[in-house]
Amino acid sequence: MKIVVASGKGGTGKTMVAANLGYVLSRDRKVTLVDCDVEEPNLHLFFPAETVDEAVTAENPVFDPALCTQCGACGKFCRYGAITVLRDRVLFFAELCHSCGGCRIVCPEGAVTETGRAIGKVGTSHPLPGLTLVSGFLNEGEVQAPCVVRAARAAAGDYPLVILDAAPGVACAVMETITGCDLCILVTESTPSGLHDLALAVEAVRMLSLPAGVVINRSDGRDEAATAFCREHDLPVLMTIPFGREIAAIQNRGGLVARDLPGFTEKFAALYTDAVRLCGVKE
């Protein structure tokens, strides 16, 4: 089973939810946590351990000047501005390339081949007996986050229980993360911006017909707007995490509330049970 923890807005606490859920479940079963927030991965900060890294590469075009006639077909095809054809040469901007392979296909002279270029890495560690952590890291300045997400998901393999921490928002990397999952836990907070971005996330998961439930984080006890939104969109509220100094202090030092605060082990275990039951997924 694949559970994705997502949010429409950054800073809502989805990584905290994913980390604590993974920690609690790993106490009595094998769990793989996958950090798919590849531009700003943080899960490894909760679980420091020695990692084995593997480079992630993307195919980039190579232009053969002996065959190229500067016809311009490759430059016209590229929608990302990665190729500019001059009278006497081709300029290629690797950081803009999305590795679609179109330039190679449209070249009438067969002057374009491809080679791999490192754009990031995937790190794998085993910080706890029942827990495997796979983290994707996108190199600075690169645009192909979905490519690193795919590599991280592939490294996770087909373990029985995989929890994926998606990037915030609803861009391509998020869609790459949630596609093929069995259920989605959406983390929000009861603020106007939190609910606005939650609506975007709900639209994304509904497009993929993905069962979903909501965790309300940093609750001040006045969650009427959030609960009304959930009722209106037929979303079960799976858990409410209160706003509190003690919780913030644990998170600020990289701790896990499920390990360091009484009662939260049971709360996150109940989150998993309710998510599986309410979303109709069979273990």
Foldseek 3Di string as FASTA:
>chain_A
DEEEEAAQDPPLCSLLLLLQLQVLVLVPAAEEEEELQQADGDSCLLQPDDKDKDFFWAKDKDFALVQDQLPCQLVVPDPQNQWDGDRRGIHGNVQSDQRPCPSCVRDPRNRIDIDIDTFWMWIWDPRDPRYIYIYTHGDPSHDHSLSSSVVSVVVVPPPPHYYYYFHHRQDPSRLSNCPPGAAYEYGFEQDPVRVVSRVVVVVSCVVNVHHYAYEYEQDPPPNVVVVVVCVVVVHHHLYYYHRDPVVVVQVVSSHRCCPVPPPVSVSSVSSVVCRCVVSVHDD
